[in-house]
Amino acid sequence: MSRGALSETRPWIVYRATRVLYRFVTDENYRNSALVRLAPPRNLFQPDNYTEPDRYPDLFRLAAREIGDGPEKQILSFGCSTGEEVFALRGCFPTAHIHGIDINRRNIAVCNRKLAEDPDPAIDFRTAGSAAGEDPDSYDAIFCMAIFRHGALGDRVRDRCDDLIRFQDFDNAIADLTRALKRGGLLFIENSHFRFSDTSAFPDFEVVGEARREQRETDGPIYDRDNRLIAGVNDRDIAFRKAKRRAR
């Protein structure tokens, strides 16, 4: 690059760097996402913590119809980010116990701050990168929404994904989650770069719900057990019920 060209690009570089620094200082969610990228914890899939209030109302209502409500009901929001999903679930499950776990401890700090502002004894948050520590057969419904994916795979479609996320890690995470789900309980997996139907746990489940076509078409590429791109796949299965009895 010539000296003249370098002098022309330098102000742009300084401007971009200044914007990034300003956002890092002033935007807590951006800062929390940036910090987890710098030191990725084990089991990290999606480093971004983007979320919205009441993002999946149709799925929440489906779960409420299928399993009902009550203080004995246990709901898990896996990868709860800054808590919006948990608080939205309260609208469909007024008396159930709702638990939120997230791999980013800074996200959980935000969740607990929000909970302190509007206390609810049947809601709790904790930091965890998997469901390995959850009791077996303990949840009536588990939500894994936009967790098993990586934002960079949506920016540019790649032939392989294992430099960012791996199917084997997905399979392991699903094994822990399904072990924690009660017989007859519901598992929701939305916006994933892998298919639940490819996992070792899937034979114990039946499909009970699909994503809307327009939603599935914007969810990004799908990869197989070997982390290779599956061309032309439009996998819309999103809700699954665990068999009430173990298959013999």
Foldseek 3Di string as FASTA:
>chain_A
DDPVVCVVCVVVVVVVVVVLVVCCVPPLQSVLLVVCVVPPDPLAAESHLDDDAPPPVVVLLVQCVQQNEDCQAEEEEEQCQLPRVQVNSCVSHVRYQYEYEHQRVSSQVNNVVVCVVPPDPSYYYDYDSALQVADFQRHQEYEAELGQHYPVCLVDPDQFDVVRPAVVSVLVRVVSVNRNHHAFHKYFYYLHQEDPCQHPQVVQKDFDDWDPQVRQVNSGFHAHNGRGTDPPDRGTGTMITGHNDDDD
